[in-house]
Amino acid sequence: KEIIDIAANVYTHNDIISTLETRLKELVKEQKS
């Protein structure tokens, strides 16, 4: 359905970047490409 208030319904910039960095660190530790 159409979402009008997009900003109120998305993940925050900080949460996205911190979550991604945590996952990338895990992949490096696990030696996965």
All heavy atoms as atom14 arrays in JSON, in Angstrom:
{
  "sequence": "KEIIDIAANVYTHNDIISTLETRLKELVKEQKS",
  "atom14_mask": [
    [1, 1, 1, 1, 1, 1, 1, 1, 1, 0, 0, 0, 0, 0],
    [1, 1, 1, 1, 1, 1, 1, 1, 1, 0, 0, 0, 0, 0],
    [1, 1, 1, 1, 1, 1, 1, 1, 0, 0, 0, 0, 0, 0],
    [1, 1, 1, 1, 1, 1, 1, 1, 0, 0, 0, 0, 0, 0],
    [1, 1, 1, 1, 1, 1, 1, 1, 0, 0, 0, 0, 0, 0],
    [1, 1, 1, 1, 1, 1, 1, 1, 0, 0, 0, 0, 0, 0],
    [1, 1, 1, 1, 1, 0, 0, 0, 0, 0, 0, 0, 0, 0],
    [1, 1, 1, 1, 1, 0, 0, 0, 0, 0, 0, 0, 0, 0],
    [1, 1, 1, 1, 1, 1, 1, 1, 0, 0, 0, 0, 0, 0],
    [1, 1, 1, 1, 1, 1, 1, 0, 0, 0, 0, 0, 0, 0],
    [1, 1, 1, 1, 1, 1, 1, 1, 1, 1, 1, 1, 0, 0],
    [1, 1, 1, 1, 1, 1, 1, 0, 0, 0, 0, 0, 0, 0],
    [1, 1, 1, 1, 1, 1, 1, 1, 1, 1, 0, 0, 0, 0],
    [1, 1, 1, 1, 1, 1, 1, 1, 0, 0, 0, 0, 0, 0],
    [1, 1, 1, 1, 1, 1, 1, 1, 0, 0, 0, 0, 0, 0],
    [1, 1, 1, 1, 1, 1, 1, 1, 0, 0, 0, 0, 0, 0],
    [1, 1, 1, 1, 1, 1, 1, 1, 0, 0, 0, 0, 0, 0],
    [1, 1, 1, 1, 1, 1, 0, 0, 0, 0, 0, 0, 0, 0],
    [1, 1, 1, 1, 1, 1, 1, 0, 0, 0, 0, 0, 0, 0],
    [1, 1, 1, 1, 1, 1, 1, 1, 0, 0, 0, 0, 0, 0],
    [1, 1, 1, 1, 1, 1, 1, 1, 1, 0, 0, 0, 0, 0],
    [1, 1, 1, 1, 1, 1, 1, 0, 0, 0, 0, 0, 0, 0],
    [1, 1, 1, 1, 1, 1, 1, 1, 1, 1, 1, 0, 0, 0],
    [1, 1, 1, 1, 1, 1, 1, 1, 0, 0, 0, 0, 0, 0],
    [1, 1, 1, 1, 1, 1, 1, 1, 1, 0, 0, 0, 0, 0],
    [1, 1, 1, 1, 1, 1, 1, 1, 1, 0, 0, 0, 0, 0],
    [1, 1, 1, 1, 1, 1, 1, 1, 0, 0, 0, 0, 0, 0],
    [1, 1, 1, 1, 1, 1, 1, 0, 0, 0, 0, 0, 0, 0],
    [1, 1, 1, 1, 1, 1, 1, 1, 1, 0, 0, 0, 0, 0],
    [1, 1, 1, 1, 1, 1, 1, 1, 1, 0, 0, 0, 0, 0],
    [1, 1, 1, 1, 1, 1, 1, 1, 1, 0, 0, 0, 0, 0],
    [1, 1, 1, 1, 1, 1, 1, 1, 1, 0, 0, 0, 0, 0],
    [1, 1, 1, 1, 1, 1, 0, 0, 0, 0, 0, 0, 0, 0]
  ],
  "atom14_positions": [
    [[0.85, -1.18, 0.0], [0.0, 0.0, 0.0], [0.89, 1.23, 0.0], [2.07, 1.17, 0.38], [-0.93, 0.01, 1.22], [-0.22, 0.03, 2.55], [-1.23, 0.02, 3.7], [-0.51, 0.06, 5.06], [-1.47, 0.06, 6.18], [0.0, 0.0, 0.0], [0.0, 0.0, 0.0], [0.0, 0.0, 0.0], [0.0, 0.0, 0.0], [0.0, 0.0, 0.0]],
    [[0.33, 2.35, -0.41], [1.13, 3.57, -0.47], [1.46, 4.06, 0.93], [0.59, 4.17, 1.79], [0.38, 4.65, -1.24], [1.21, 5.89, -1.49], [0.51, 6.88, -2.4], [-0.72, 6.78, -2.55], [1.2, 7.76, -2.94], [0.0, 0.0, 0.0], [0.0, 0.0, 0.0], [0.0, 0.0, 0.0], [0.0, 0.0, 0.0], [0.0, 0.0, 0.0]],
    [[2.74, 4.32, 1.16], [3.21, 4.83, 2.45], [3.57, 6.31, 2.27], [4.45, 6.64, 1.47], [4.44, 4.05, 2.95], [4.14, 2.53, 2.99], [4.88, 4.55, 4.31], [3.04, 2.13, 3.94], [0.0, 0.0, 0.0], [0.0, 0.0, 0.0], [0.0, 0.0, 0.0], [0.0, 0.0, 0.0], [0.0, 0.0, 0.0], [0.0, 0.0, 0.0]],
    [[2.88, 7.16, 3.01], [3.11, 8.61, 2.87], [4.29, 9.07, 3.7], [5.19, 9.76, 3.22], [1.84, 9.39, 3.26], [0.64, 8.93, 2.4], [2.09, 10.88, 3.09], [0.82, 9.13, 0.93], [0.0, 0.0, 0.0], [0.0, 0.0, 0.0], [0.0, 0.0, 0.0], [0.0, 0.0, 0.0], [0.0, 0.0, 0.0], [0.0, 0.0, 0.0]],
    [[4.31, 8.7, 4.99], [5.38, 9.15, 5.88], [6.53, 8.15, 5.83], [6.68, 7.29, 6.7], [4.84, 9.28, 7.31], [5.82, 10.0, 8.24], [6.93, 10.31, 7.79], [5.46, 10.24, 9.41], [0.0, 0.0, 0.0], [0.0, 0.0, 0.0], [0.0, 0.0, 0.0], [0.0, 0.0, 0.0], [0.0, 0.0, 0.0], [0.0, 0.0, 0.0]],
    [[7.36, 8.27, 4.81], [8.44, 7.31, 4.59], [9.48, 7.39, 5.7], [9.93, 6.38, 6.23], [9.08, 7.53, 3.21], [8.06, 7.26, 2.11], [10.3, 6.63, 3.03], [8.52, 7.66, 0.73], [0.0, 0.0, 0.0], [0.0, 0.0, 0.0], [0.0, 0.0, 0.0], [0.0, 0.0, 0.0], [0.0, 0.0, 0.0], [0.0, 0.0, 0.0]],
    [[9.87, 8.6, 6.07], [10.94, 8.78, 7.06], [10.61, 8.11, 8.38], [11.51, 7.62, 9.08], [11.21, 10.27, 7.27], [0.0, 0.0, 0.0], [0.0, 0.0, 0.0], [0.0, 0.0, 0.0], [0.0, 0.0, 0.0], [0.0, 0.0, 0.0], [0.0, 0.0, 0.0], [0.0, 0.0, 0.0], [0.0, 0.0, 0.0], [0.0, 0.0, 0.0]],
    [[9.35, 8.06, 8.73], [8.94, 7.47, 10.01], [8.89, 5.95, 9.96], [8.73, 5.3, 11.0], [7.58, 8.0, 10.43], [0.0, 0.0, 0.0], [0.0, 0.0, 0.0], [0.0, 0.0, 0.0], [0.0, 0.0, 0.0], [0.0, 0.0, 0.0], [0.0, 0.0, 0.0], [0.0, 0.0, 0.0], [0.0, 0.0, 0.0], [0.0, 0.0, 0.0]],
    [[9.07, 5.38, 8.76], [8.89, 3.93, 8.61], [10.13, 3.21, 8.11], [10.04, 2.03, 7.74], [7.73, 3.66, 7.65], [6.38, 3.92, 8.27], [5.9, 3.13, 9.08], [5.76, 5.03, 7.92], [0.0, 0.0, 0.0], [0.0, 0.0, 0.0], [0.0, 0.0, 0.0], [0.0, 0.0, 0.0], [0.0, 0.0, 0.0], [0.0, 0.0, 0.0]],
    [[11.28, 3.87, 8.08], [12.48, 3.23, 7.58], [13.53, 3.14, 8.69], [13.48, 3.86, 9.69], [13.08, 3.99, 6.37], [12.13, 3.94, 5.19], [13.4, 5.43, 6.74], [0.0, 0.0, 0.0], [0.0, 0.0, 0.0], [0.0, 0.0, 0.0], [0.0, 0.0, 0.0], [0.0, 0.0, 0.0], [0.0, 0.0, 0.0], [0.0, 0.0, 0.0]],
    [[14.51, 2.25, 8.49], [15.62, 2.15, 9.42], [16.44, 3.45, 9.36], [16.56, 4.08, 8.31], [16.52, 0.97, 9.06], [15.87, -0.38, 9.26], [15.68, -1.25, 8.19], [15.46, -0.81, 10.52], [15.11, -2.51, 8.37], [14.89, -2.05, 10.72], [14.71, -2.89, 9.64], [14.14, -4.14, 9.82], [0.0, 0.0, 0.0], [0.0, 0.0, 0.0]],
    [[17.04, 3.8, 10.48], [17.85, 5.02, 10.51], [19.19, 4.79, 9.84], [19.69, 3.66, 9.75], [18.1, 5.51, 11.95], [18.95, 4.57, 12.62], [16.8, 5.67, 12.71], [0.0, 0.0, 0.0], [0.0, 0.0, 0.0], [0.0, 0.0, 0.0], [0.0, 0.0, 0.0], [0.0, 0.0, 0.0], [0.0, 0.0, 0.0], [0.0, 0.0, 0.0]],
    [[19.78, 5.87, 9.37], [21.11, 5.83, 8.76], [22.11, 5.17, 9.69], [22.85, 4.25, 9.29], [21.52, 7.27, 8.43], [22.84, 7.41, 7.77], [23.26, 8.6, 7.23], [23.86, 6.54, 7.55], [24.46, 8.46, 6.71], [24.85, 7.21, 6.9], [0.0, 0.0, 0.0], [0.0, 0.0, 0.0], [0.0, 0.0, 0.0], [0.0, 0.0, 0.0]],
    [[22.13, 5.58, 10.93], [23.11, 5.04, 11.89], [22.9, 3.54, 12.13], [23.88, 2.78, 12.2], [23.03, 5.79, 13.22], [23.63, 7.19, 13.14], [24.43, 7.47, 12.25], [23.24, 8.06, 14.04], [0.0, 0.0, 0.0], [0.0, 0.0, 0.0], [0.0, 0.0, 0.0], [0.0, 0.0, 0.0], [0.0, 0.0, 0.0], [0.0, 0.0, 0.0]],
    [[21.64, 3.13, 12.25], [21.37, 1.7, 12.48], [21.81, 0.87, 11.28], [22.35, -0.23, 11.43], [19.88, 1.48, 12.74], [19.47, 1.87, 14.16], [20.37, 2.08, 15.0], [18.25, 1.95, 14.41], [0.0, 0.0, 0.0], [0.0, 0.0, 0.0], [0.0, 0.0, 0.0], [0.0, 0.0, 0.0], [0.0, 0.0, 0.0], [0.0, 0.0, 0.0]],
    [[21.58, 1.38, 10.08], [21.96, 0.65, 8.87], [23.47, 0.47, 8.8], [23.97, -0.65, 8.59], [21.44, 1.39, 7.62], [19.91, 1.34, 7.56], [22.06, 0.8, 6.35], [19.3, 2.34, 6.6], [0.0, 0.0, 0.0], [0.0, 0.0, 0.0], [0.0, 0.0, 0.0], [0.0, 0.0, 0.0], [0.0, 0.0, 0.0], [0.0, 0.0, 0.0]],
    [[24.21, 1.54, 9.01], [25.66, 1.47, 8.87], [26.3, 0.65, 9.98], [27.2, -0.17, 9.74], [26.26, 2.88, 8.81], [25.73, 3.62, 7.57], [27.79, 2.83, 8.77], [25.93, 2.88, 6.26], [0.0, 0.0, 0.0], [0.0, 0.0, 0.0], [0.0, 0.0, 0.0], [0.0, 0.0, 0.0], [0.0, 0.0, 0.0], [0.0, 0.0, 0.0]],
    [[25.83, 0.81, 11.21], [26.41, 0.04, 12.32], [26.1, -1.44, 12.18], [26.96, -2.3, 12.45], [25.9, 0.56, 13.67], [24.49, 0.41, 13.78], [0.0, 0.0, 0.0], [0.0, 0.0, 0.0], [0.0, 0.0, 0.0], [0.0, 0.0, 0.0], [0.0, 0.0, 0.0], [0.0, 0.0, 0.0], [0.0, 0.0, 0.0], [0.0, 0.0, 0.0]],
    [[24.89, -1.77, 11.71], [24.53, -3.18, 11.51], [25.36, -3.8, 10.39], [25.83, -4.93, 10.5], [23.03, -3.31, 11.19], [22.26, -2.75, 12.25], [22.64, -4.78, 11.02], [0.0, 0.0, 0.0], [0.0, 0.0, 0.0], [0.0, 0.0, 0.0], [0.0, 0.0, 0.0], [0.0, 0.0, 0.0], [0.0, 0.0, 0.0], [0.0, 0.0, 0.0]],
    [[25.55, -3.05, 9.32], [26.35, -3.56, 8.21], [27.8, -3.77, 8.63], [28.4, -4.8, 8.31], [26.28, -2.6, 7.03], [27.14, -2.97, 5.82], [26.77, -4.34, 5.27], [27.04, -1.9, 4.73], [0.0, 0.0, 0.0], [0.0, 0.0, 0.0], [0.0, 0.0, 0.0], [0.0, 0.0, 0.0], [0.0, 0.0, 0.0], [0.0, 0.0, 0.0]],
    [[28.35, -2.82, 9.35], [29.75, -2.97, 9.76], [29.92, -4.17, 10.68], [30.9, -4.93, 10.55], [30.26, -1.71, 10.46], [31.74, -1.82, 10.83], [32.37, -0.51, 11.2], [31.64, 0.41, 11.62], [33.61, -0.39, 11.06], [0.0, 0.0, 0.0], [0.0, 0.0, 0.0], [0.0, 0.0, 0.0], [0.0, 0.0, 0.0], [0.0, 0.0, 0.0]],
    [[28.98, -4.39, 11.58], [29.05, -5.56, 12.46], [29.05, -6.84, 11.65], [29.84, -7.77, 11.91], [27.87, -5.55, 13.44], [27.96, -4.41, 14.29], [27.86, -6.82, 14.29], [0.0, 0.0, 0.0], [0.0, 0.0, 0.0], [0.0, 0.0, 0.0], [0.0, 0.0, 0.0], [0.0, 0.0, 0.0], [0.0, 0.0, 0.0], [0.0, 0.0, 0.0]],
    [[28.18, -6.91, 10.64], [28.1, -8.12, 9.82], [29.36, -8.31, 8.99], [29.85, -9.44, 8.83], [26.88, -8.06, 8.91], [26.66, -9.33, 8.09], [26.35, -10.51, 8.97], [26.12, -11.72, 8.19], [26.78, -12.86, 8.38], [27.71, -12.96, 9.34], [26.5, -13.91, 7.63], [0.0, 0.0, 0.0], [0.0, 0.0, 0.0], [0.0, 0.0, 0.0]],
    [[29.91, -7.24, 8.46], [31.14, -7.35, 7.68], [32.3, -7.84, 8.54], [33.11, -8.67, 8.1], [31.48, -6.0, 7.04], [30.53, -5.51, 5.94], [30.9, -4.11, 5.5], [30.49, -6.46, 4.76], [0.0, 0.0, 0.0], [0.0, 0.0, 0.0], [0.0, 0.0, 0.0], [0.0, 0.0, 0.0], [0.0, 0.0, 0.0], [0.0, 0.0, 0.0]],
    [[32.37, -7.36, 9.76], [33.41, -7.83, 10.68], [33.26, -9.32, 10.95], [34.24, -10.06, 11.02], [33.34, -7.05, 12.0], [33.85, -5.62, 11.91], [33.71, -4.92, 13.26], [34.26, -3.51, 13.23], [34.07, -2.8, 14.53], [0.0, 0.0, 0.0], [0.0, 0.0, 0.0], [0.0, 0.0, 0.0], [0.0, 0.0, 0.0], [0.0, 0.0, 0.0]],
    [[32.01, -9.78, 11.1], [31.76, -11.2, 11.33], [32.22, -12.03, 10.14], [32.84, -13.1, 10.31], [30.26, -11.44, 11.57], [29.73, -10.89, 12.88], [28.22, -10.99, 12.98], [27.57, -11.34, 11.97], [27.69, -10.71, 14.07], [0.0, 0.0, 0.0], [0.0, 0.0, 0.0], [0.0, 0.0, 0.0], [0.0, 0.0, 0.0], [0.0, 0.0, 0.0]],
    [[31.93, -11.56, 8.94], [32.31, -12.3, 7.73], [33.83, -12.37, 7.58], [34.36, -13.39, 7.16], [31.68, -11.65, 6.5], [30.16, -11.78, 6.39], [29.62, -10.89, 5.29], [29.75, -13.23, 6.15], [0.0, 0.0, 0.0], [0.0, 0.0, 0.0], [0.0, 0.0, 0.0], [0.0, 0.0, 0.0], [0.0, 0.0, 0.0], [0.0, 0.0, 0.0]],
    [[34.51, -11.28, 7.93], [35.98, -11.29, 7.89], [36.51, -12.31, 8.89], [37.41, -13.1, 8.58], [36.54, -9.88, 8.2], [38.05, -9.95, 8.42], [36.22, -8.92, 7.06], [0.0, 0.0, 0.0], [0.0, 0.0, 0.0], [0.0, 0.0, 0.0], [0.0, 0.0, 0.0], [0.0, 0.0, 0.0], [0.0, 0.0, 0.0], [0.0, 0.0, 0.0]],
    [[35.95, -12.31, 10.09], [36.39, -13.24, 11.14], [36.14, -14.68, 10.72], [36.94, -15.58, 11.0], [35.66, -12.93, 12.44], [36.14, -13.75, 13.63], [35.43, -13.33, 14.91], [35.9, -14.14, 16.11], [35.22, -13.72, 17.37], [0.0, 0.0, 0.0], [0.0, 0.0, 0.0], [0.0, 0.0, 0.0], [0.0, 0.0, 0.0], [0.0, 0.0, 0.0]],
    [[35.01, -14.91, 10.03], [34.66, -16.26, 9.58], [35.39, -16.64, 8.3], [35.22, -17.76, 7.8], [33.14, -16.34, 9.34], [32.31, -16.15, 10.61], [30.84, -15.88, 10.3], [30.48, -15.86, 9.09], [30.07, -15.64, 11.25], [0.0, 0.0, 0.0], [0.0, 0.0, 0.0], [0.0, 0.0, 0.0], [0.0, 0.0, 0.0], [0.0, 0.0, 0.0]],
    [[36.16, -15.71, 7.75], [36.91, -15.91, 6.51], [35.99, -16.28, 5.34], [36.31, -17.13, 4.52], [38.0, -16.97, 6.69], [39.08, -16.57, 7.71], [40.22, -17.56, 7.79], [40.01, -18.77, 7.78], [41.44, -17.05, 7.84], [0.0, 0.0, 0.0], [0.0, 0.0, 0.0], [0.0, 0.0, 0.0], [0.0, 0.0, 0.0], [0.0, 0.0, 0.0]],
    [[34.84, -15.6, 5.29], [33.9, -15.79, 4.2], [34.01, -14.63, 3.22], [34.26, -13.49, 3.62], [32.47, -15.88, 4.75], [32.21, -17.13, 5.58], [30.76, -17.19, 6.03], [30.48, -18.46, 6.82], [29.08, -18.5, 7.31], [0.0, 0.0, 0.0], [0.0, 0.0, 0.0], [0.0, 0.0, 0.0], [0.0, 0.0, 0.0], [0.0, 0.0, 0.0]],
    [[33.85, -14.94, 1.97], [33.95, -13.91, 0.94], [32.56, -13.5, 0.46], [31.6, -14.27, 0.56], [34.78, -14.4, -0.24], [34.14, -15.5, -0.87], [0.0, 0.0, 0.0], [0.0, 0.0, 0.0], [0.0, 0.0, 0.0], [0.0, 0.0, 0.0], [0.0, 0.0, 0.0], [0.0, 0.0, 0.0], [0.0, 0.0, 0.0], [0.0, 0.0, 0.0]]
  ]
}
